[in-house]
Each structure stands twice: as structure tokens, then as C-alpha cells.
Amino acid sequence: MTELAVAQKNLKKNGWLDLEVDPTLDLVKEINKLKKEKNAIILAHYYQEPDIQDIADYIGDSLGLSQKAASTKADIIVFAGVHFMAETAKILSPQKKVLLPDFKAGCSLADSCPPHLFRKFKEKYPDHVVVSYINCTAEMKTLTDICCTSTNAVHIIESIPKDTPIIFTPDKNLGAYLQKKTGRENMIIWQGACMVHEIFSHEKITKLMLRHPDAKLIAHPECEAHILEKAHYIGSTSGLLKFTKEDKAKEFIVATESGIIHQMMKKAPNKTFIPAPPNNTCACNECPHMRRNTMEKLYLCMKHETPDIIMPDWIIKEGRASIDRMLEISKKAGL
């Protein structure tokens, strides 16, 4: 059995857990070498571990990553993120090979809206436009009229005529925030949520703010309303990063996945960033799915070109329209 066959068999059974990587190997050097040899690009979300962010060719939030996936001239896209992100890249670049370091890197928010249940739900509201947060499965995108990200969500909602009713899915917290921000009362919101953004403790954050009276609380709109009401600034991951760089405050309490703090420290090394505490003692402000990706898995997936994202042609074809519409509106809005 070839080395590749062994790797693929092992991957199907246990992920990369049983395939050892020489601990003396210079992973940064080897990954950079593989990028050149294979004409590959590494796209990484802000929630990845610092080493992966540092070796990536592009780091961004969901909108920026989608835009990059659509425009890259690389033959291979290595997506250091979660499954729905790699699916989106494949939909936008179906002719390219799209790799995901850990195939089990899923998303609690995407899982909260199963397509077969949503399809039945949608049938009850045939006159509604479906806007789906991009944090959903590829099949969900085939049931969607327009996708959105936290960066462009307000622009997407405001692009729809005010008298047109909307179904927003899957994030109930982002949906409620958009409803309040845009004043759209004719919006039905699917009751899904992100496990990380629902875990922040109101009590602990309040105490933290008392101990750091000059600190500003910044929050992602996936957070619950009681957190957003206390926030000095609400924005997407890229928006939060920009705010901390440009704002005069020297301390920030960050209510989103803590991986973004690595970039915040690089952009503003003279400032202090405090992860917002969860309502228990675990590291719940770290997404367990995002953190499944490691430098070792990144190296292995590039070396063996597996696991790669494979989807039925009909999903790629029907799922693309909602993403293209989002990109078109974003471009017009200058995002």
C-alpha cells in the first residue's frame, strides 16, 4: 500500500491522529516549500491558532475569505478554517482542489440548521426572501436567496425592499441584532446559535469591566443581546480588528473567539486585550472546531492533498447564486 493510500485510510478512520510527523521537521519551511511546488494558497480565518495565521497567505473573516477564494489563481486552496468555509471556496472555485486540514472541523452554528428541516420550514413562507448567514452548509445555500457575513449583513438586509418579508437563518443573535439595526419587523428568525458566542458570562464581564474601568468591551454580533447591550462597539472580526487598531483606548475586553487577539496584538502591540470570560472554567471562548486544525495537519494535508472537498454538481451550481449575489452587493457597497 502506498504512503498516500495509508494516509487516506488512516484519515477516514481517525483523522490524522495516528500518522506521526517527525518532531524535528521544520514545518514552516516544509509548508512554504509545498506551497511553491503545488501552486497552493493557504487561506486562514482569524480564529485559527497563531502559527497557522502567521504562515497563511491571507487571513480574514468570512467575507474576505470568500472574495479571496473567488479570485485566486492558485491551483490548490488550503482552507485553514471549518467545513462550511472550505465548501464555500469549492463552490466559488469548483475547478480547483480545496483542502481542509481536519475534515472533522465543523461548526455548531451550521449544525443548528439542518437543510431537511429548513426546507419544510421554508415551505410555510413562500413569499419570503431567505437570507442565510454564510455560516451554514453548502446544501443550505441552495435554499438561500442571498448569503451574508457579519461584515455585510446590514447592507444585505437593506438591499431588500422594505415591504418584502425575510427569513433570516441560522443565527438568532445576529438576526435579532439586524432586526434592531435595520428596523425590519417583517423578519422571521431561525433559532440557531454559535456555541462560542453564547457562552460569555454577563456577570463575569461586568466584574471585569469594573476592574478595568478604562477598557472598552467589543463584541461580535453573534453574541447574545445582553452582551451586545453592554458593548462599546459591535462588529465583525475584521471590524473588531480595525476598531482596536484605530481607537484611542488602551485596553479592550474582546467578546468573540479569542484567536482574533493574535492579530490585534500584532496590529496594536502597545495595547492590552482581555478575552471575555465564559460562564464556566473551560476555554470556551476558543472554538473547538477551529482549533482542530494544527500545523502538523496542515503539513500532512498539503503533502498528501487530502482531505479534499467533494460535493455534488447540483449543490455547487445551485449554491453559488446566493454567494454571488452577496459578493455583488458587497462590491456595490464598497466592502
Protein backbone atom coordinates (compact mmCIF):
# COMPACT_ATOMS: atom_id res chain seq x y z
CA MET A 1 0.00 0.00 0.00
CA THR A 2 1.40 3.41 -0.97
CA GLU A 3 2.07 6.16 1.56
CA LEU A 4 -0.85 8.15 0.16
CA ALA A 5 -3.20 5.15 0.41
CA VAL A 6 -2.14 4.62 4.03
CA ALA A 7 -2.72 8.30 4.78
CA GLN A 8 -6.18 8.26 3.19
CA LYS A 9 -7.19 5.07 5.01
CA ASN A 10 -5.95 6.48 8.32
CA LEU A 11 -7.70 9.80 7.68
CA LYS A 12 -11.05 8.12 7.01
CA LYS A 13 -10.80 6.17 10.26
CA ASN A 14 -9.18 8.53 12.73
CA GLY A 15 -8.36 11.83 11.10
CA TRP A 16 -4.60 12.45 11.17
CA LEU A 17 -4.29 11.18 14.77
CA ASP A 18 -2.27 8.04 14.01
CA LEU A 19 0.03 9.47 11.36
CA GLU A 20 3.14 10.79 13.08
CA VAL A 21 5.10 13.81 11.92
CA ASP A 22 8.83 13.91 12.59
CA PRO A 23 9.12 16.31 15.57
CA THR A 24 12.41 17.65 14.22
CA LEU A 25 10.80 18.71 10.95
CA ASP A 26 10.77 22.45 10.27
CA LEU A 27 7.07 22.70 9.48
CA VAL A 28 7.20 26.33 8.39
CA LYS A 29 9.94 25.56 5.87
CA GLU A 30 8.21 22.41 4.61
CA ILE A 31 4.79 24.05 4.25
CA ASN A 32 6.28 27.01 2.37
CA LYS A 33 8.10 24.54 0.12
CA LEU A 34 4.86 22.66 -0.60
CA LYS A 35 3.07 25.93 -1.41
CA LYS A 36 5.58 26.68 -4.15
CA GLU A 37 5.73 23.13 -5.51
CA LYS A 38 1.95 22.75 -5.73
CA ASN A 39 0.98 26.36 -6.54
CA ALA A 40 -1.13 26.35 -3.39
CA ILE A 41 -2.56 29.20 -1.34
CA ILE A 42 -3.36 28.98 2.37
CA LEU A 43 -6.44 30.88 3.49
CA ALA A 44 -6.88 31.17 7.25
CA HIS A 45 -9.65 32.52 9.44
CA TYR A 46 -8.81 34.84 12.33
CA TYR A 47 -9.86 32.07 14.74
CA GLN A 48 -7.00 29.74 13.79
CA GLU A 49 -4.02 29.15 16.06
CA PRO A 50 -1.27 31.82 15.79
CA ASP A 51 1.24 29.66 13.88
CA ILE A 52 -1.31 28.93 11.16
CA GLN A 53 -2.24 32.61 10.91
CA ASP A 54 1.43 33.51 10.55
CA ILE A 55 2.07 31.10 7.68
CA ALA A 56 -1.16 31.85 5.79
CA ASP A 57 -1.11 33.79 2.54
CA TYR A 58 -4.32 35.52 3.50
CA ILE A 59 -6.04 35.95 6.87
CA GLY A 60 -9.57 37.24 7.06
CA ASP A 61 -13.19 36.95 8.07
CA SER A 62 -15.82 35.09 6.08
CA LEU A 63 -16.37 37.89 3.53
CA GLY A 64 -12.70 38.47 2.83
CA LEU A 65 -12.01 34.74 2.60
CA SER A 66 -14.89 34.27 0.16
CA GLN A 67 -13.62 37.11 -2.01
CA LYS A 68 -10.11 35.66 -1.99
CA ALA A 69 -11.34 32.16 -2.82
CA ALA A 70 -13.24 33.54 -5.81
CA SER A 71 -10.27 35.45 -7.22
CA THR A 72 -7.19 33.31 -6.51
CA LYS A 73 -5.11 31.92 -9.38
CA ALA A 74 -3.69 29.11 -7.23
CA ASP A 75 -4.29 25.50 -8.28
CA ILE A 76 -4.92 24.35 -4.71
CA ILE A 77 -6.77 26.21 -1.96
CA VAL A 78 -5.85 25.06 1.53
CA PHE A 79 -8.55 26.34 3.85
CA ALA A 80 -7.48 26.63 7.48
CA GLY A 81 -10.93 27.09 8.90
CA VAL A 82 -14.04 24.95 9.22
CA HIS A 83 -16.03 22.80 6.82
CA PHE A 84 -18.58 25.34 5.58
CA MET A 85 -15.76 27.76 4.68
CA ALA A 86 -13.99 25.14 2.56
CA GLU A 87 -17.32 24.27 0.93
CA THR A 88 -17.83 27.93 0.05
CA ALA A 89 -14.37 28.05 -1.54
CA LYS A 90 -15.18 24.95 -3.59
CA ILE A 91 -18.48 26.44 -4.78
CA LEU A 92 -16.66 29.58 -5.89
CA SER A 93 -13.73 27.71 -7.48
CA PRO A 94 -15.10 24.29 -8.49
CA GLN A 95 -12.21 23.63 -10.87
CA LYS A 96 -9.66 23.89 -8.06
CA LYS A 97 -8.75 21.36 -5.39
CA VAL A 98 -9.83 22.61 -1.97
CA LEU A 99 -8.20 21.03 1.07
CA LEU A 100 -9.25 21.18 4.72
CA PRO A 101 -6.55 20.20 7.28
CA ASP A 102 -9.08 18.41 9.51
CA PHE A 103 -12.22 17.10 7.83
CA LYS A 104 -13.96 16.97 11.21
CA ALA A 105 -13.65 20.73 11.73
CA GLY A 106 -17.35 21.51 11.71
CA CYS A 107 -19.47 24.39 13.02
CA SER A 108 -22.08 24.38 15.79
CA LEU A 109 -23.94 27.21 14.08
CA ALA A 110 -24.12 25.43 10.72
CA ASP A 111 -25.24 22.26 12.52
CA SER A 112 -28.09 24.18 14.18
CA CYS A 113 -29.93 24.50 10.85
CA PRO A 114 -30.26 21.10 9.12
CA PRO A 115 -31.28 21.60 5.47
CA HIS A 116 -34.04 18.96 5.54
CA LEU A 117 -35.76 20.75 8.44
CA PHE A 118 -35.27 24.19 6.97
CA ARG A 119 -36.73 23.07 3.63
CA LYS A 120 -40.02 22.21 5.37
CA PHE A 121 -39.90 25.46 7.35
CA LYS A 122 -39.33 27.49 4.18
CA GLU A 123 -42.40 25.95 2.52
CA LYS A 124 -44.59 27.73 5.10
CA TYR A 125 -43.35 31.14 3.89
CA PRO A 126 -43.22 31.00 0.06
CA ASP A 127 -43.26 34.80 -0.33
CA HIS A 128 -40.23 35.37 1.95
CA VAL A 129 -36.69 36.10 0.78
CA VAL A 130 -34.21 33.78 2.50
CA VAL A 131 -31.05 35.44 3.82
CA SER A 132 -28.56 32.97 5.26
CA TYR A 133 -25.52 33.80 7.30
CA ILE A 134 -22.62 32.23 5.42
CA ASN A 135 -22.01 30.01 8.47
CA CYS A 136 -24.28 27.33 7.02
CA THR A 137 -23.84 24.17 4.98
CA ALA A 138 -23.48 24.09 1.20
CA GLU A 139 -26.89 22.46 0.89
CA MET A 140 -28.42 25.28 2.96
CA LYS A 141 -27.02 27.72 0.44
CA THR A 142 -29.10 26.02 -2.27
CA LEU A 143 -32.19 27.01 -0.26
CA THR A 144 -30.97 30.58 0.15
CA ASP A 145 -31.61 33.69 -1.95
CA ILE A 146 -28.75 35.80 -0.57
CA CYS A 147 -25.91 34.88 1.77
CA CYS A 148 -24.38 37.40 4.17
CA THR A 149 -21.49 37.72 6.57
CA SER A 150 -21.30 39.80 9.73
CA THR A 151 -19.40 42.42 7.72
CA ASN A 152 -22.07 42.94 5.06
CA ALA A 153 -25.26 41.72 6.80
CA VAL A 154 -26.76 45.19 7.29
CA HIS A 155 -26.11 46.06 3.62
CA ILE A 156 -27.68 42.77 2.51
CA ILE A 157 -30.85 43.32 4.56
CA GLU A 158 -31.15 46.93 3.41
CA SER A 159 -30.79 45.86 -0.25
CA ILE A 160 -34.13 44.01 0.04
CA PRO A 161 -37.29 46.13 -0.44
CA LYS A 162 -38.80 47.05 2.94
CA ASP A 163 -42.16 45.52 2.10
CA THR A 164 -40.58 42.14 1.27
CA PRO A 165 -40.67 39.69 4.20
CA ILE A 166 -37.44 37.91 5.12
CA ILE A 167 -36.42 34.63 6.69
CA PHE A 168 -33.03 35.02 8.38
CA THR A 169 -31.05 31.91 9.20
CA PRO A 170 -29.35 30.33 11.08
CA ASP A 171 -28.09 32.70 13.81
CA LYS A 172 -30.80 34.05 16.11
CA ASN A 173 -28.46 36.53 17.81
CA LEU A 174 -27.20 38.07 14.57
CA GLY A 175 -30.78 38.05 13.29
CA ALA A 176 -32.06 39.93 16.34
CA TYR A 177 -29.20 42.43 16.03
CA LEU A 178 -30.02 43.02 12.35
CA GLN A 179 -33.72 43.41 13.11
CA LYS A 180 -32.91 46.08 15.69
CA LYS A 181 -30.29 47.77 13.49
CA THR A 182 -32.43 47.93 10.33
CA GLY A 183 -35.90 48.20 11.88
CA ARG A 184 -37.14 45.27 9.78
CA GLU A 185 -40.17 43.94 11.65
CA ASN A 186 -41.18 41.56 8.83
CA MET A 187 -38.27 39.22 9.53
CA ILE A 188 -38.65 35.63 10.75
CA ILE A 189 -35.54 34.38 12.54
CA TRP A 190 -34.40 30.76 12.68
CA GLN A 191 -33.37 29.81 16.23
CA GLY A 192 -29.78 28.67 15.72
CA ALA A 193 -26.65 29.84 17.56
CA CYS A 194 -22.86 29.58 17.84
CA MET A 195 -21.70 27.70 20.91
CA VAL A 196 -18.74 30.05 21.46
CA HIS A 197 -20.68 33.31 21.24
CA GLU A 198 -23.42 32.05 23.56
CA ILE A 199 -21.06 31.12 26.39
CA PHE A 200 -19.93 34.57 27.54
CA SER A 201 -20.82 35.42 31.14
CA HIS A 202 -22.68 38.68 31.73
CA GLU A 203 -21.72 38.64 35.42
CA LYS A 204 -18.02 37.96 34.83
CA ILE A 205 -17.79 40.57 32.09
CA THR A 206 -19.44 43.14 34.37
CA LYS A 207 -16.88 42.40 37.11
CA LEU A 208 -14.07 42.58 34.57
CA MET A 209 -15.28 45.97 33.38
CA LEU A 210 -15.32 47.22 36.98
CA ARG A 211 -11.72 46.07 37.44
CA HIS A 212 -10.73 47.69 34.13
CA PRO A 213 -12.81 50.90 34.01
CA ASP A 214 -10.90 52.30 31.03
CA ALA A 215 -11.29 49.15 28.93
CA LYS A 216 -13.80 49.04 26.08
CA LEU A 217 -15.96 45.97 25.59
CA ILE A 218 -16.09 44.96 21.93
CA ALA A 219 -18.37 42.19 20.71
CA HIS A 220 -19.27 40.15 17.66
CA PRO A 221 -22.98 40.36 16.71
CA GLU A 222 -23.29 36.58 17.19
CA CYS A 223 -23.19 37.30 20.94
CA GLU A 224 -26.38 37.35 22.96
CA ALA A 225 -28.31 40.61 23.31
CA HIS A 226 -27.35 41.17 26.96
CA ILE A 227 -23.67 41.21 25.92
CA LEU A 228 -24.26 43.46 22.91
CA GLU A 229 -26.15 45.95 25.09
CA LYS A 230 -23.02 46.46 27.21
CA ALA A 231 -20.62 46.69 24.27
CA HIS A 232 -18.87 49.92 23.29
CA TYR A 233 -18.50 48.56 19.75
CA ILE A 234 -20.20 45.72 17.82
CA GLY A 235 -18.66 44.40 14.62
CA SER A 236 -17.40 41.53 12.51
CA THR A 237 -13.99 40.03 13.23
CA SER A 238 -12.37 42.37 10.69
CA GLY A 239 -14.39 45.26 12.12
CA LEU A 240 -13.25 44.48 15.65
CA LEU A 241 -9.65 44.29 14.48
CA LYS A 242 -9.87 47.65 12.74
CA PHE A 243 -11.57 49.27 15.73
CA THR A 244 -8.89 48.17 18.22
CA LYS A 245 -6.16 49.46 15.93
CA GLU A 246 -7.74 52.88 15.37
CA ASP A 247 -9.49 53.60 18.69
CA LYS A 248 -7.64 55.62 21.35
CA ALA A 249 -8.44 53.17 24.16
CA LYS A 250 -5.50 51.16 25.51
CA GLU A 251 -7.48 48.21 26.88
CA PHE A 252 -10.15 46.06 25.26
CA ILE A 253 -12.33 43.21 26.51
CA VAL A 254 -12.89 41.01 23.48
CA ALA A 255 -16.19 39.10 23.24
CA THR A 256 -15.56 36.76 20.32
CA GLU A 257 -13.37 33.74 19.64
CA SER A 258 -10.00 34.51 21.22
CA GLY A 259 -7.96 33.65 18.11
CA ILE A 260 -8.51 37.19 16.83
CA ILE A 261 -6.39 38.55 19.69
CA HIS A 262 -3.23 37.34 17.93
CA GLN A 263 -3.86 39.77 15.07
CA MET A 264 -4.95 42.53 17.46
CA MET A 265 -1.63 42.25 19.32
CA LYS A 266 0.29 42.37 16.03
CA LYS A 267 -1.62 45.44 14.80
CA ALA A 268 -1.52 47.29 18.15
CA PRO A 269 1.34 45.87 20.27
CA ASN A 270 1.11 48.74 22.76
CA LYS A 271 -2.46 47.84 23.74
CA THR A 272 -3.91 45.22 26.10
CA PHE A 273 -6.52 42.68 25.02
CA ILE A 274 -8.52 40.65 27.51
CA PRO A 275 -10.60 37.65 26.36
CA ALA A 276 -14.20 37.95 27.59
CA PRO A 277 -14.73 35.19 30.18
CA PRO A 278 -17.17 32.32 29.63
CA ASN A 279 -19.77 31.29 32.20
CA ASN A 280 -17.67 28.34 33.37
CA THR A 281 -13.99 27.49 33.82
CA CYS A 282 -13.28 25.89 30.43
CA ALA A 283 -11.59 27.58 27.47
CA CYS A 284 -14.99 28.02 25.86
CA ASN A 285 -14.06 31.25 24.11
CA GLU A 286 -11.94 29.05 21.83
CA CYS A 287 -13.88 27.28 19.09
CA PRO A 288 -13.10 23.55 19.39
CA HIS A 289 -13.81 23.09 15.68
CA MET A 290 -11.49 25.88 14.53
CA ARG A 291 -8.78 24.56 16.84
CA ARG A 292 -8.87 21.08 15.32
CA ASN A 293 -6.54 22.41 12.63
CA THR A 294 -2.85 22.27 13.57
CA MET A 295 0.43 22.91 11.79
CA GLU A 296 1.02 19.16 11.61
CA LYS A 297 -2.36 18.56 9.94
CA LEU A 298 -1.77 21.49 7.62
CA TYR A 299 1.52 19.96 6.51
CA LEU A 300 0.03 16.49 6.06
CA CYS A 301 -2.98 17.65 4.07
CA MET A 302 -0.73 19.63 1.73
CA LYS A 303 1.73 16.79 1.33
CA HIS A 304 -0.93 14.16 0.56
CA GLU A 305 -3.53 16.56 -0.93
CA THR A 306 -6.24 15.11 1.26
CA PRO A 307 -8.86 15.54 2.64
CA ASP A 308 -10.31 17.45 -0.28
CA ILE A 309 -13.79 18.89 -0.56
CA ILE A 310 -16.04 16.99 -2.95
CA MET A 311 -19.68 17.95 -3.49
CA PRO A 312 -22.42 17.01 -5.96
CA ASP A 313 -22.53 19.23 -9.03
CA TRP A 314 -26.10 20.33 -8.27
CA ILE A 315 -25.08 21.74 -4.90
CA ILE A 316 -22.19 23.66 -6.44
CA LYS A 317 -24.44 25.00 -9.19
CA GLU A 318 -27.47 25.88 -7.06
CA GLY A 319 -25.47 27.07 -4.05
CA ARG A 320 -23.41 29.59 -5.99
CA ALA A 321 -26.21 32.03 -6.82
CA SER A 322 -26.70 33.08 -3.19
CA ILE A 323 -22.97 33.67 -2.71
CA ASP A 324 -22.58 35.55 -5.99
CA ARG A 325 -25.48 37.80 -5.02
CA MET A 326 -23.77 38.54 -1.70
CA LEU A 327 -20.46 39.37 -3.40
CA GLU A 328 -22.23 41.59 -5.91
CA ILE A 329 -23.99 43.62 -3.19
CA SER A 330 -20.78 43.84 -1.17
CA LYS A 331 -18.88 45.18 -4.17
CA LYS A 332 -21.52 47.85 -4.79
CA ALA A 333 -21.31 48.81 -1.11
CA GLY A 334 -17.53 49.12 -1.33
CA LEU A 335 -16.88 46.28 1.12
